[in-house]
Amino acid sequence: MVELTPKYFTTNEVSSHNTTDDLWVSFLGKVYNLTSLCEKYKGDVLLKPIIVSAGTDISHWFNSKTKDVRMHVDPQTNCIIPYCPNGRFVHIPPPYPDSGWANDFGLPWWKDDAYSVGILSNKTRLIKIINTLASQEQVIEVCSEETMTEIQVRYMKHNAHAGSYTWKYEGRNLDMTKTLQENGIQDEDDEFYELRMNEETYLHAIHLYFNDDLTEA
């Protein structure tokens, strides 16, 4: 049974979740769904920096070594406090003592894995998938870290029966447990860039053959 929950996400997928009713962000290589956080703190002014940053990468808010919010020295007090150039946000304490500050929320949201939904892809690729039975082709964006099975799941929105096909590249069956690169389908984006060629014009094509199609040996 194919797992339908993706493990990797593209920046385009993250950017599509950009409203308070459906709010995702990415930071430090992971993707987080903060929709429930928005619901919990609805109307709180501390949500504003998060809402403004919906669908984007906010890694610059955090220290990549400590995985915590970046800190700096307050020029007025000389105290070390969280660095929030976009404004203080949810779970960040006030810069000065405040009797109204409630810190009984448990883990701050950026340390709570319950909000994590997956990994942000380091590199995405465009591939062309040709359905030989229906004579249809689709160009889809995939994550370079994904196996062919995971890419198959992505393709299912175009063809719900994608699992009933044999996937081939240049006439040979693809190993569905391996990535594109591991299957010998090289990522040539850098070469195309150096040659000033449009990589979308020269996409690798994967052919799908329906398993009951007796015309294909």
N, C-alpha and C. Protein backbone atom coordinates (compact mmCIF):
# COMPACT_ATOMS: atom_id res chain seq x y z
N MET A 1 0.85 -1.20 0.00
CA MET A 1 0.00 0.00 0.00
C MET A 1 0.88 1.24 0.00
N VAL A 2 0.68 2.15 -0.94
CA VAL A 2 1.50 3.35 -1.05
C VAL A 2 1.10 4.36 0.01
N GLU A 3 2.10 4.90 0.74
CA GLU A 3 1.85 5.94 1.72
C GLU A 3 1.58 7.25 0.99
N LEU A 4 0.43 7.85 1.25
CA LEU A 4 0.01 9.03 0.50
C LEU A 4 0.52 10.34 1.09
N THR A 5 1.13 10.28 2.26
CA THR A 5 1.64 11.50 2.87
C THR A 5 3.06 11.75 2.41
N PRO A 6 3.32 12.84 1.71
CA PRO A 6 4.67 13.08 1.20
C PRO A 6 5.65 13.37 2.33
N LYS A 7 6.88 13.00 2.10
CA LYS A 7 7.93 13.24 3.08
C LYS A 7 8.68 14.52 2.76
N TYR A 8 8.81 14.80 1.46
CA TYR A 8 9.52 15.99 1.00
C TYR A 8 8.55 16.96 0.34
N PHE A 9 8.88 18.26 0.47
CA PHE A 9 8.04 19.29 -0.13
C PHE A 9 8.91 20.27 -0.91
N THR A 10 8.34 20.83 -1.96
CA THR A 10 9.01 21.86 -2.74
C THR A 10 8.67 23.22 -2.16
N THR A 11 9.47 24.23 -2.49
CA THR A 11 9.16 25.59 -2.02
C THR A 11 7.84 26.07 -2.61
N ASN A 12 7.51 25.62 -3.81
CA ASN A 12 6.24 25.99 -4.42
C ASN A 12 5.06 25.42 -3.64
N GLU A 13 5.23 24.20 -3.13
CA GLU A 13 4.15 23.60 -2.33
C GLU A 13 3.97 24.36 -1.03
N VAL A 14 5.08 24.72 -0.39
CA VAL A 14 4.99 25.49 0.86
C VAL A 14 4.32 26.83 0.60
N SER A 15 4.69 27.48 -0.49
CA SER A 15 4.17 28.83 -0.77
C SER A 15 2.68 28.84 -1.04
N SER A 16 2.11 27.69 -1.39
CA SER A 16 0.67 27.64 -1.67
C SER A 16 -0.17 27.66 -0.39
N HIS A 17 0.47 27.43 0.74
CA HIS A 17 -0.23 27.44 2.04
C HIS A 17 0.04 28.78 2.72
N ASN A 18 -0.66 29.81 2.29
CA ASN A 18 -0.29 31.17 2.68
C ASN A 18 -1.44 31.99 3.26
N THR A 19 -2.39 31.31 3.89
CA THR A 19 -3.49 32.02 4.54
C THR A 19 -3.58 31.59 6.00
N THR A 20 -4.31 32.36 6.80
CA THR A 20 -4.43 32.01 8.22
C THR A 20 -5.20 30.70 8.41
N ASP A 21 -6.00 30.33 7.43
CA ASP A 21 -6.75 29.07 7.51
C ASP A 21 -5.92 27.88 7.03
N ASP A 22 -4.79 28.16 6.45
CA ASP A 22 -3.92 27.11 5.91
C ASP A 22 -2.52 27.71 5.79
N LEU A 23 -1.79 27.69 6.90
CA LEU A 23 -0.52 28.42 6.95
C LEU A 23 0.67 27.50 7.22
N TRP A 24 1.56 27.47 6.24
CA TRP A 24 2.80 26.70 6.36
C TRP A 24 3.98 27.65 6.27
N VAL A 25 5.08 27.25 6.89
CA VAL A 25 6.36 27.92 6.71
C VAL A 25 7.43 26.84 6.67
N SER A 26 8.61 27.22 6.24
CA SER A 26 9.75 26.30 6.32
C SER A 26 10.89 27.02 7.02
N PHE A 27 11.68 26.26 7.73
CA PHE A 27 12.90 26.82 8.30
C PHE A 27 13.85 25.68 8.70
N LEU A 28 15.13 25.97 8.50
CA LEU A 28 16.20 25.03 8.82
C LEU A 28 15.96 23.65 8.22
N GLY A 29 15.46 23.64 6.99
CA GLY A 29 15.32 22.39 6.25
C GLY A 29 14.05 21.60 6.49
N LYS A 30 13.15 22.10 7.37
CA LYS A 30 11.91 21.39 7.61
C LYS A 30 10.70 22.25 7.26
N VAL A 31 9.56 21.60 7.11
CA VAL A 31 8.31 22.28 6.77
C VAL A 31 7.35 22.13 7.94
N TYR A 32 6.69 23.24 8.29
CA TYR A 32 5.80 23.26 9.44
C TYR A 32 4.42 23.79 9.05
N ASN A 33 3.40 23.12 9.57
CA ASN A 33 2.02 23.55 9.38
C ASN A 33 1.59 24.27 10.66
N LEU A 34 1.47 25.59 10.58
CA LEU A 34 1.15 26.41 11.75
C LEU A 34 -0.32 26.83 11.80
N THR A 35 -1.16 26.15 11.03
CA THR A 35 -2.58 26.50 10.99
C THR A 35 -3.22 26.43 12.37
N SER A 36 -2.93 25.37 13.11
CA SER A 36 -3.54 25.23 14.44
C SER A 36 -3.00 26.28 15.41
N LEU A 37 -1.76 26.71 15.21
CA LEU A 37 -1.19 27.78 16.04
C LEU A 37 -1.94 29.08 15.78
N CYS A 38 -2.27 29.33 14.51
CA CYS A 38 -3.04 30.52 14.15
C CYS A 38 -4.43 30.49 14.76
N GLU A 39 -5.02 29.32 14.78
CA GLU A 39 -6.35 29.18 15.38
C GLU A 39 -6.30 29.45 16.88
N LYS A 40 -5.27 28.92 17.52
CA LYS A 40 -5.14 29.05 18.96
C LYS A 40 -4.91 30.51 19.39
N TYR A 41 -4.14 31.25 18.59
CA TYR A 41 -3.79 32.63 18.95
C TYR A 41 -4.49 33.65 18.05
N LYS A 42 -5.61 33.27 17.50
CA LYS A 42 -6.35 34.15 16.60
C LYS A 42 -6.63 35.50 17.27
N GLY A 43 -6.30 36.58 16.56
CA GLY A 43 -6.52 37.92 17.08
C GLY A 43 -5.35 38.48 17.87
N ASP A 44 -4.36 37.64 18.17
CA ASP A 44 -3.19 38.09 18.93
C ASP A 44 -2.24 38.83 17.99
N VAL A 45 -1.81 40.01 18.41
CA VAL A 45 -0.91 40.82 17.58
C VAL A 45 0.41 40.10 17.33
N LEU A 46 0.78 39.17 18.21
CA LEU A 46 2.04 38.44 18.04
C LEU A 46 2.00 37.45 16.88
N LEU A 47 0.82 37.26 16.31
CA LEU A 47 0.71 36.39 15.13
C LEU A 47 1.14 37.11 13.85
N LYS A 48 1.15 38.44 13.89
CA LYS A 48 1.36 39.20 12.66
C LYS A 48 2.63 38.82 11.90
N PRO A 49 3.80 38.72 12.54
CA PRO A 49 5.00 38.34 11.78
C PRO A 49 4.88 36.97 11.11
N ILE A 50 4.16 36.05 11.77
CA ILE A 50 3.97 34.71 11.20
C ILE A 50 3.03 34.77 10.01
N ILE A 51 1.94 35.53 10.14
CA ILE A 51 0.98 35.65 9.04
C ILE A 51 1.62 36.31 7.82
N VAL A 52 2.40 37.36 8.08
CA VAL A 52 3.08 38.07 6.99
C VAL A 52 4.06 37.14 6.26
N SER A 53 4.61 36.18 6.99
CA SER A 53 5.62 35.27 6.42
C SER A 53 5.02 33.95 5.93
N ALA A 54 3.70 33.86 5.89
CA ALA A 54 3.04 32.62 5.48
C ALA A 54 3.53 32.14 4.12
N GLY A 55 3.84 30.86 4.04
CA GLY A 55 4.26 30.25 2.78
C GLY A 55 5.71 30.51 2.41
N THR A 56 6.49 31.08 3.30
CA THR A 56 7.88 31.41 2.98
C THR A 56 8.85 30.66 3.90
N ASP A 57 10.13 30.81 3.59
CA ASP A 57 11.16 30.24 4.44
C ASP A 57 11.61 31.29 5.45
N ILE A 58 11.62 30.92 6.74
CA ILE A 58 11.96 31.87 7.79
C ILE A 58 13.21 31.42 8.55
N SER A 59 14.10 30.75 7.85
CA SER A 59 15.32 30.25 8.49
C SER A 59 16.14 31.37 9.12
N HIS A 60 16.03 32.57 8.55
CA HIS A 60 16.81 33.70 9.07
C HIS A 60 16.35 34.13 10.46
N TRP A 61 15.24 33.62 10.93
CA TRP A 61 14.78 33.91 12.29
C TRP A 61 15.55 33.10 13.33
N PHE A 62 16.23 32.04 12.88
CA PHE A 62 16.78 31.06 13.81
C PHE A 62 18.29 30.87 13.65
N ASN A 63 18.90 30.39 14.72
CA ASN A 63 20.32 30.06 14.72
C ASN A 63 20.46 28.62 14.24
N SER A 64 21.17 28.40 13.15
CA SER A 64 21.26 27.07 12.56
C SER A 64 21.97 26.07 13.47
N LYS A 65 22.79 26.55 14.39
CA LYS A 65 23.52 25.65 15.29
C LYS A 65 22.68 25.26 16.51
N THR A 66 22.03 26.24 17.13
CA THR A 66 21.24 25.96 18.33
C THR A 66 19.81 25.53 18.01
N LYS A 67 19.36 25.79 16.77
CA LYS A 67 17.98 25.52 16.35
C LYS A 67 16.97 26.37 17.13
N ASP A 68 17.47 27.43 17.73
CA ASP A 68 16.61 28.31 18.52
C ASP A 68 16.58 29.69 17.87
N VAL A 69 15.75 30.56 18.40
CA VAL A 69 15.63 31.91 17.86
C VAL A 69 16.97 32.63 18.00
N ARG A 70 17.32 33.40 17.00
CA ARG A 70 18.56 34.18 17.06
C ARG A 70 18.49 35.20 18.19
N MET A 71 19.64 35.48 18.79
CA MET A 71 19.71 36.41 19.89
C MET A 71 20.62 37.59 19.51
N HIS A 72 20.42 38.71 20.21
CA HIS A 72 21.29 39.85 20.02
C HIS A 72 21.29 40.69 21.29
N VAL A 73 22.21 41.64 21.36
CA VAL A 73 22.31 42.51 22.52
C VAL A 73 21.43 43.73 22.32
N ASP A 74 20.49 43.91 23.22
CA ASP A 74 19.61 45.08 23.17
C ASP A 74 20.45 46.34 23.43
N PRO A 75 20.49 47.26 22.47
CA PRO A 75 21.32 48.46 22.66
C PRO A 75 20.87 49.35 23.81
N GLN A 76 19.62 49.21 24.24
CA GLN A 76 19.12 50.05 25.33
C GLN A 76 19.43 49.47 26.71
N THR A 77 19.37 48.15 26.81
CA THR A 77 19.57 47.52 28.13
C THR A 77 20.87 46.73 28.22
N ASN A 78 21.50 46.48 27.07
CA ASN A 78 22.71 45.63 27.01
C ASN A 78 22.42 44.19 27.43
N CYS A 79 21.15 43.83 27.41
CA CYS A 79 20.75 42.46 27.71
C CYS A 79 20.65 41.65 26.42
N ILE A 80 20.90 40.35 26.52
CA ILE A 80 20.76 39.48 25.35
C ILE A 80 19.30 39.05 25.25
N ILE A 81 18.67 39.39 24.14
CA ILE A 81 17.25 39.09 23.94
C ILE A 81 17.04 38.52 22.53
N PRO A 82 15.90 37.89 22.29
CA PRO A 82 15.61 37.37 20.95
C PRO A 82 15.65 38.47 19.89
N TYR A 83 16.22 38.12 18.73
CA TYR A 83 16.32 39.07 17.62
C TYR A 83 15.10 38.88 16.72
N CYS A 84 14.23 39.87 16.70
CA CYS A 84 12.99 39.77 15.93
C CYS A 84 12.84 41.01 15.05
N PRO A 85 13.59 41.09 13.96
CA PRO A 85 13.53 42.29 13.10
C PRO A 85 12.16 42.53 12.48
N ASN A 86 11.35 41.46 12.37
CA ASN A 86 10.01 41.59 11.81
C ASN A 86 8.95 41.79 12.89
N GLY A 87 9.40 41.95 14.13
CA GLY A 87 8.48 42.11 15.24
C GLY A 87 8.41 40.86 16.10
N ARG A 88 8.19 41.05 17.37
CA ARG A 88 8.05 39.93 18.30
C ARG A 88 6.90 39.04 17.87
N PHE A 89 7.10 37.72 17.98
CA PHE A 89 6.06 36.79 17.55
C PHE A 89 5.70 35.82 18.67
N VAL A 90 4.70 35.00 18.41
CA VAL A 90 4.14 34.07 19.40
C VAL A 90 5.23 33.25 20.08
N HIS A 91 5.16 33.19 21.40
CA HIS A 91 6.05 32.43 22.30
C HIS A 91 7.39 33.12 22.53
N ILE A 92 7.58 34.32 21.99
CA ILE A 92 8.77 35.10 22.29
C ILE A 92 8.46 35.98 23.51
N PRO A 93 9.26 35.90 24.55
CA PRO A 93 8.98 36.71 25.75
C PRO A 93 9.19 38.20 25.49
N PRO A 94 8.55 39.05 26.25
CA PRO A 94 8.75 40.50 26.08
C PRO A 94 10.19 40.87 26.46
N PRO A 95 10.70 41.95 25.88
CA PRO A 95 12.09 42.33 26.15
C PRO A 95 12.32 42.82 27.58
N TYR A 96 11.23 43.21 28.24
CA TYR A 96 11.34 43.72 29.60
C TYR A 96 10.37 42.95 30.51
N PRO A 97 10.59 42.96 31.81
CA PRO A 97 9.68 42.24 32.73
C PRO A 97 8.23 42.66 32.52
N ASP A 98 7.36 41.66 32.44
CA ASP A 98 5.95 41.92 32.18
C ASP A 98 5.12 40.90 32.96
N SER A 99 4.36 41.37 33.92
CA SER A 99 3.56 40.48 34.77
C SER A 99 2.46 39.78 33.99
N GLY A 100 2.15 40.33 32.82
CA GLY A 100 1.09 39.74 32.00
C GLY A 100 1.59 38.63 31.09
N TRP A 101 2.88 38.39 31.07
CA TRP A 101 3.45 37.38 30.18
C TRP A 101 3.22 35.98 30.75
N ALA A 102 2.53 35.16 29.99
CA ALA A 102 2.24 33.78 30.40
C ALA A 102 3.16 32.83 29.63
N ASN A 103 3.99 32.11 30.38
CA ASN A 103 4.93 31.20 29.73
C ASN A 103 4.58 29.74 30.01
N ASP A 104 3.28 29.48 30.17
CA ASP A 104 2.83 28.13 30.48
C ASP A 104 2.39 27.36 29.23
N PHE A 105 2.90 27.77 28.08
CA PHE A 105 2.48 27.14 26.82
C PHE A 105 3.25 25.87 26.50
N GLY A 106 4.25 25.52 27.32
CA GLY A 106 5.05 24.32 27.03
C GLY A 106 6.17 24.64 26.06
N LEU A 107 6.34 23.77 25.08
CA LEU A 107 7.38 24.00 24.08
C LEU A 107 7.00 25.16 23.17
N PRO A 108 7.95 26.04 22.85
CA PRO A 108 7.65 27.05 21.83
C PRO A 108 7.42 26.35 20.49
N TRP A 109 6.62 26.96 19.65
CA TRP A 109 6.19 26.26 18.43
C TRP A 109 7.34 25.82 17.54
N TRP A 110 8.44 26.56 17.53
CA TRP A 110 9.55 26.21 16.63
C TRP A 110 10.35 25.00 17.14
N LYS A 111 10.07 24.57 18.38
CA LYS A 111 10.71 23.38 18.91
C LYS A 111 9.75 22.20 19.01
N ASP A 112 8.51 22.43 18.64
CA ASP A 112 7.47 21.41 18.77
C ASP A 112 7.32 20.63 17.46
N ASP A 113 7.77 19.38 17.47
CA ASP A 113 7.71 18.56 16.26
C ASP A 113 6.29 18.24 15.82
N ALA A 114 5.31 18.53 16.68
CA ALA A 114 3.92 18.27 16.30
C ALA A 114 3.51 19.13 15.10
N TYR A 115 4.19 20.25 14.91
CA TYR A 115 3.88 21.13 13.79
C TYR A 115 4.62 20.72 12.50
N SER A 116 5.62 19.88 12.64
CA SER A 116 6.42 19.49 11.48
C SER A 116 5.65 18.52 10.59
N VAL A 117 5.66 18.80 9.29
CA VAL A 117 4.95 17.93 8.34
C VAL A 117 5.87 17.28 7.34
N GLY A 118 7.14 17.67 7.32
CA GLY A 118 8.05 17.06 6.37
C GLY A 118 9.34 17.82 6.21
N ILE A 119 10.04 17.50 5.15
CA ILE A 119 11.36 18.06 4.88
C ILE A 119 11.31 18.92 3.62
N LEU A 120 11.97 20.06 3.67
CA LEU A 120 12.05 20.93 2.50
C LEU A 120 13.13 20.40 1.57
N SER A 121 12.77 20.18 0.32
CA SER A 121 13.72 19.63 -0.65
C SER A 121 14.89 20.58 -0.87
N ASN A 122 16.08 20.02 -0.93
CA ASN A 122 17.28 20.82 -1.24
C ASN A 122 17.34 21.18 -2.71
N LYS A 123 16.71 20.33 -3.54
CA LYS A 123 16.77 20.55 -4.99
C LYS A 123 15.55 19.91 -5.63
N THR A 124 14.87 20.66 -6.46
CA THR A 124 13.72 20.11 -7.17
C THR A 124 14.06 19.95 -8.65
N ARG A 125 13.28 19.12 -9.32
CA ARG A 125 13.50 18.87 -10.75
C ARG A 125 12.15 18.83 -11.47
N LEU A 126 12.19 19.19 -12.72
CA LEU A 126 11.02 19.01 -13.59
C LEU A 126 11.24 17.77 -14.43
N ILE A 127 10.23 16.91 -14.49
CA ILE A 127 10.31 15.73 -15.34
C ILE A 127 9.03 15.62 -16.16
N LYS A 128 9.17 14.99 -17.30
CA LYS A 128 8.01 14.76 -18.18
C LYS A 128 7.60 13.30 -18.04
N ILE A 129 6.31 13.09 -17.79
CA ILE A 129 5.79 11.73 -17.67
C ILE A 129 4.79 11.50 -18.80
N ILE A 130 5.05 10.49 -19.58
CA ILE A 130 4.23 10.20 -20.76
C ILE A 130 3.45 8.90 -20.55
N ASN A 131 2.15 9.01 -20.57
CA ASN A 131 1.26 7.85 -20.46
C ASN A 131 1.05 7.32 -21.87
N THR A 132 1.68 6.19 -22.19
CA THR A 132 1.61 5.65 -23.55
C THR A 132 0.24 5.10 -23.89
N LEU A 133 -0.53 4.70 -22.87
CA LEU A 133 -1.87 4.16 -23.12
C LEU A 133 -2.82 5.27 -23.54
N ALA A 134 -2.79 6.39 -22.82
CA ALA A 134 -3.71 7.49 -23.10
C ALA A 134 -3.10 8.56 -24.01
N SER A 135 -1.83 8.38 -24.38
CA SER A 135 -1.12 9.37 -25.20
C SER A 135 -1.20 10.76 -24.58
N GLN A 136 -0.97 10.79 -23.27
CA GLN A 136 -0.97 12.05 -22.54
C GLN A 136 0.37 12.24 -21.86
N GLU A 137 0.77 13.51 -21.70
CA GLU A 137 2.00 13.78 -20.99
C GLU A 137 1.79 14.92 -19.99
N GLN A 138 2.52 14.83 -18.89
CA GLN A 138 2.46 15.83 -17.84
C GLN A 138 3.88 16.20 -17.43
N VAL A 139 4.09 17.47 -17.16
CA VAL A 139 5.36 17.92 -16.59
C VAL A 139 5.10 18.23 -15.14
N ILE A 140 5.83 17.58 -14.25
CA ILE A 140 5.62 17.80 -12.83
C ILE A 140 6.94 18.14 -12.14
N GLU A 141 6.83 18.89 -11.07
CA GLU A 141 7.99 19.22 -10.26
C GLU A 141 8.11 18.18 -9.15
N VAL A 142 9.30 17.62 -9.00
CA VAL A 142 9.52 16.60 -7.98
C VAL A 142 10.73 16.98 -7.14
N CYS A 143 10.88 16.32 -6.02
CA CYS A 143 12.02 16.55 -5.15
C CYS A 143 13.11 15.54 -5.51
N SER A 144 14.34 16.00 -5.60
CA SER A 144 15.43 15.13 -6.02
C SER A 144 15.67 13.99 -5.03
N GLU A 145 15.25 14.18 -3.77
CA GLU A 145 15.44 13.15 -2.75
C GLU A 145 14.39 12.04 -2.82
N GLU A 146 13.35 12.23 -3.59
CA GLU A 146 12.24 11.28 -3.61
C GLU A 146 12.55 10.04 -4.43
N THR A 147 12.02 8.92 -3.95
CA THR A 147 12.11 7.69 -4.73
C THR A 147 11.06 7.74 -5.84
N MET A 148 11.17 6.81 -6.77
CA MET A 148 10.19 6.77 -7.86
C MET A 148 8.79 6.48 -7.32
N THR A 149 8.70 5.73 -6.23
CA THR A 149 7.38 5.47 -5.64
C THR A 149 6.77 6.76 -5.12
N GLU A 150 7.58 7.61 -4.51
CA GLU A 150 7.09 8.89 -4.01
C GLU A 150 6.71 9.82 -5.17
N ILE A 151 7.47 9.75 -6.25
CA ILE A 151 7.13 10.52 -7.45
C ILE A 151 5.82 9.99 -8.05
N GLN A 152 5.66 8.69 -8.00
CA GLN A 152 4.42 8.08 -8.48
C GLN A 152 3.21 8.63 -7.72
N VAL A 153 3.36 8.81 -6.41
CA VAL A 153 2.28 9.37 -5.60
C VAL A 153 1.96 10.79 -6.06
N ARG A 154 2.99 11.57 -6.35
CA ARG A 154 2.77 12.93 -6.86
C ARG A 154 1.97 12.91 -8.16
N TYR A 155 2.28 11.94 -8.99
CA TYR A 155 1.65 11.85 -10.31
C TYR A 155 0.20 11.39 -10.22
N MET A 156 -0.19 10.81 -9.10
CA MET A 156 -1.53 10.24 -8.98
C MET A 156 -2.65 11.27 -9.12
N LYS A 157 -2.36 12.54 -8.88
CA LYS A 157 -3.41 13.54 -9.08
C LYS A 157 -3.73 13.71 -10.56
N HIS A 158 -2.82 13.25 -11.43
CA HIS A 158 -3.06 13.27 -12.87
C HIS A 158 -3.61 11.93 -13.36
N ASN A 159 -3.25 10.87 -12.64
CA ASN A 159 -3.71 9.53 -13.01
C ASN A 159 -3.77 8.69 -11.74
N ALA A 160 -4.99 8.48 -11.25
CA ALA A 160 -5.18 7.76 -9.98
C ALA A 160 -4.73 6.31 -10.06
N HIS A 161 -4.54 5.79 -11.29
CA HIS A 161 -4.15 4.39 -11.47
C HIS A 161 -2.67 4.27 -11.83
N ALA A 162 -1.87 5.26 -11.41
CA ALA A 162 -0.45 5.27 -11.78
C ALA A 162 0.28 4.01 -11.33
N GLY A 163 -0.20 3.39 -10.26
CA GLY A 163 0.43 2.17 -9.77
C GLY A 163 0.21 0.96 -10.66
N SER A 164 -0.69 1.09 -11.62
CA SER A 164 -0.97 -0.03 -12.53
C SER A 164 -0.11 0.02 -13.78
N TYR A 165 0.88 0.91 -13.79
CA TYR A 165 1.75 1.07 -14.95
C TYR A 165 3.18 0.68 -14.61
N THR A 166 3.89 0.22 -15.62
CA THR A 166 5.33 0.02 -15.50
C THR A 166 6.02 1.31 -15.93
N TRP A 167 6.92 1.79 -15.10
CA TRP A 167 7.61 3.05 -15.35
C TRP A 167 8.96 2.76 -16.00
N LYS A 168 9.20 3.39 -17.15
CA LYS A 168 10.43 3.12 -17.89
C LYS A 168 11.13 4.42 -18.30
N TYR A 169 12.44 4.31 -18.43
CA TYR A 169 13.25 5.41 -18.95
C TYR A 169 14.23 4.84 -19.96
N GLU A 170 14.14 5.36 -21.18
CA GLU A 170 14.98 4.89 -22.29
C GLU A 170 14.87 3.37 -22.45
N GLY A 171 13.64 2.87 -22.31
CA GLY A 171 13.38 1.46 -22.57
C GLY A 171 13.64 0.50 -21.42
N ARG A 172 14.17 0.98 -20.32
CA ARG A 172 14.46 0.08 -19.20
C ARG A 172 13.54 0.39 -18.00
N ASN A 173 13.19 -0.67 -17.30
CA ASN A 173 12.33 -0.52 -16.14
C ASN A 173 13.06 0.27 -15.04
N LEU A 174 12.32 1.14 -14.40
CA LEU A 174 12.89 1.92 -13.30
C LEU A 174 12.72 1.17 -11.97
N ASP A 175 13.70 1.30 -11.11
CA ASP A 175 13.61 0.74 -9.76
C ASP A 175 12.85 1.75 -8.92
N MET A 176 11.64 1.39 -8.52
CA MET A 176 10.75 2.33 -7.83
C MET A 176 11.22 2.64 -6.41
N THR A 177 12.20 1.92 -5.91
CA THR A 177 12.73 2.19 -4.57
C THR A 177 13.90 3.17 -4.61
N LYS A 178 14.30 3.57 -5.82
CA LYS A 178 15.44 4.46 -5.97
C LYS A 178 15.02 5.83 -6.49
N THR A 179 15.91 6.80 -6.34
CA THR A 179 15.64 8.16 -6.82
C THR A 179 15.90 8.24 -8.32
N LEU A 180 15.58 9.39 -8.90
CA LEU A 180 15.87 9.61 -10.32
C LEU A 180 17.36 9.43 -10.58
N GLN A 181 18.19 10.07 -9.76
CA GLN A 181 19.63 10.01 -9.95
C GLN A 181 20.14 8.58 -9.83
N GLU A 182 19.62 7.86 -8.84
CA GLU A 182 20.04 6.47 -8.64
C GLU A 182 19.59 5.58 -9.78
N ASN A 183 18.57 6.00 -10.52
CA ASN A 183 18.10 5.27 -11.69
C ASN A 183 18.82 5.72 -12.97
N GLY A 184 19.83 6.57 -12.81
CA GLY A 184 20.60 7.00 -13.97
C GLY A 184 19.98 8.15 -14.73
N ILE A 185 18.98 8.81 -14.14
CA ILE A 185 18.37 9.97 -14.78
C ILE A 185 19.03 11.21 -14.17
N GLN A 186 20.03 11.69 -14.86
CA GLN A 186 20.89 12.73 -14.31
C GLN A 186 20.21 14.10 -14.25
N ASP A 187 20.58 14.85 -13.24
CA ASP A 187 20.11 16.23 -13.11
C ASP A 187 21.10 17.12 -13.85
N GLU A 188 20.66 17.70 -14.95
CA GLU A 188 21.56 18.48 -15.81
C GLU A 188 21.27 19.98 -15.76
N ASP A 189 20.56 20.42 -14.73
CA ASP A 189 20.20 21.84 -14.64
C ASP A 189 21.41 22.75 -14.67
N ASP A 190 22.48 22.39 -13.95
CA ASP A 190 23.67 23.24 -13.90
C ASP A 190 24.32 23.36 -15.27
N GLU A 191 24.37 22.23 -16.00
CA GLU A 191 24.97 22.27 -17.34
C GLU A 191 24.14 23.14 -18.27
N PHE A 192 22.81 23.02 -18.17
CA PHE A 192 21.94 23.85 -19.01
C PHE A 192 22.13 25.33 -18.68
N TYR A 193 22.29 25.63 -17.39
CA TYR A 193 22.47 27.02 -16.97
C TYR A 193 23.77 27.58 -17.55
N GLU A 194 24.84 26.80 -17.47
CA GLU A 194 26.14 27.25 -17.99
C GLU A 194 26.08 27.48 -19.49
N LEU A 195 25.30 26.65 -20.18
CA LEU A 195 25.18 26.76 -21.63
C LEU A 195 24.07 27.72 -22.05
N ARG A 196 23.40 28.32 -21.05
CA ARG A 196 22.29 29.24 -21.28
C ARG A 196 21.18 28.59 -22.10
N MET A 197 20.92 27.34 -21.76
CA MET A 197 19.85 26.60 -22.42
C MET A 197 18.67 26.49 -21.47
N ASN A 198 17.48 26.48 -22.04
CA ASN A 198 16.27 26.33 -21.25
C ASN A 198 16.07 24.86 -20.91
N GLU A 199 16.26 24.53 -19.60
CA GLU A 199 16.17 23.12 -19.21
C GLU A 199 14.79 22.54 -19.44
N GLU A 200 13.75 23.40 -19.49
CA GLU A 200 12.39 22.90 -19.68
C GLU A 200 12.18 22.39 -21.10
N THR A 201 13.08 22.76 -22.01
CA THR A 201 12.98 22.30 -23.40
C THR A 201 13.55 20.90 -23.55
N TYR A 202 14.41 20.50 -22.61
CA TYR A 202 15.10 19.21 -22.72
C TYR A 202 14.86 18.35 -21.48
N LEU A 203 13.60 18.18 -21.14
CA LEU A 203 13.26 17.42 -19.95
C LEU A 203 13.42 15.92 -20.20
N HIS A 204 13.90 15.22 -19.17
CA HIS A 204 13.93 13.76 -19.24
C HIS A 204 12.49 13.25 -19.27
N ALA A 205 12.25 12.26 -20.14
CA ALA A 205 10.89 11.72 -20.29
C ALA A 205 10.82 10.31 -19.73
N ILE A 206 9.87 10.11 -18.85
CA ILE A 206 9.58 8.78 -18.30
C ILE A 206 8.31 8.27 -18.95
N HIS A 207 8.37 7.07 -19.48
CA HIS A 207 7.21 6.49 -20.18
C HIS A 207 6.51 5.47 -19.28
N LEU A 208 5.19 5.57 -19.25
CA LEU A 208 4.38 4.65 -18.48
C LEU A 208 3.67 3.68 -19.41
N TYR A 209 3.79 2.39 -19.12
CA TYR A 209 3.14 1.35 -19.91
C TYR A 209 2.16 0.62 -19.02
N PHE A 210 0.90 0.62 -19.46
CA PHE A 210 -0.14 -0.06 -18.68
C PHE A 210 0.19 -1.54 -18.61
N ASN A 211 0.08 -2.13 -17.43
CA ASN A 211 0.53 -3.51 -17.23
C ASN A 211 -0.26 -4.55 -18.03
N ASP A 212 -1.49 -4.18 -18.46
CA ASP A 212 -2.29 -5.12 -19.25
C ASP A 212 -2.17 -4.83 -20.73
N ASP A 213 -1.27 -3.90 -21.10
CA ASP A 213 -1.11 -3.55 -22.50
C ASP A 213 -0.19 -4.56 -23.15
N LEU A 214 -0.76 -5.53 -23.90
CA LEU A 214 0.00 -6.61 -24.50
C LEU A 214 0.84 -6.17 -25.69
N THR A 215 0.68 -4.91 -26.11
CA THR A 215 1.48 -4.45 -27.25
C THR A 215 2.91 -4.14 -26.81
N GLU A 216 3.13 -4.03 -25.51
CA GLU A 216 4.47 -3.72 -25.00
C GLU A 216 5.08 -4.99 -24.42
N ALA A 217 6.16 -5.41 -24.97
CA ALA A 217 6.80 -6.64 -24.50
C ALA A 217 7.46 -6.43 -23.14
